[in-house]
Amino acid sequence: MILGSIMIWLSFFLLIVGVSFGRMGPSFTRTKFSIPVILIALSLLYFNNLEIYDIESELADSINNFMPWFLVALIGFYFTLSGVPIYWKIRMPQLIFGWIIIFVSTYLFIEFTELPDNFLIAAISTSIGVIFSLLLFVMFVRFVESRIPPEDPAPDLTEDEMDFVRRIISTNIGVDQK
């Protein structure tokens, strides 16, 4: 039956929908459906017990080998990023715990993933490609930004505009303006 293959592609579709939901709306009021849809997509992708045919079976095997160490690494990245310095305040327990989890995920990757014989060559060439792509991207951004002409400075506020701004600020901070 083809249902297992359809479930894989449906989970990818739901993953894209979940990420898109997360990007909708104002930055502090993102839709509440994003994380549940992403979790449903990941669970459909990982816990698909239906029979899978053709190329999707290789994809499912790759995902099943990829998902355990990736989820552990994702948890480690979350703790590490929540422990990094913000306004010069470091949360050391989260930072250390996050790095320990990242090292555990690296161990899981090395231990349970069959690396090909030419892994080192592939890793080096991939790294060179990534670095080259990033450098090209930076060069293109700098080129495009250098072509944009600078804007003229904004004109000074009129007396009415300055009075309006004063009233707004005074109202917001609770000071009576006389």
Foldseek 3Di string as FASTA:
>chain_A
DAVLVVLLVVLVVLLVVLVVQQVDDDPVCGPPCNVVSNVVSLCSLQVRPDDHDDPVVVVSVVCNLPPPLVVLLVQLVVLLVVQDDDPNDGPVVSNVVSVVSNVVSVVSNVPRPDADPCNVVVVVVVVVVVVVVVVVVVVVVVVVVVPDDDDDDDDDDDPVVVVVVVVVVCVVVVHDDD
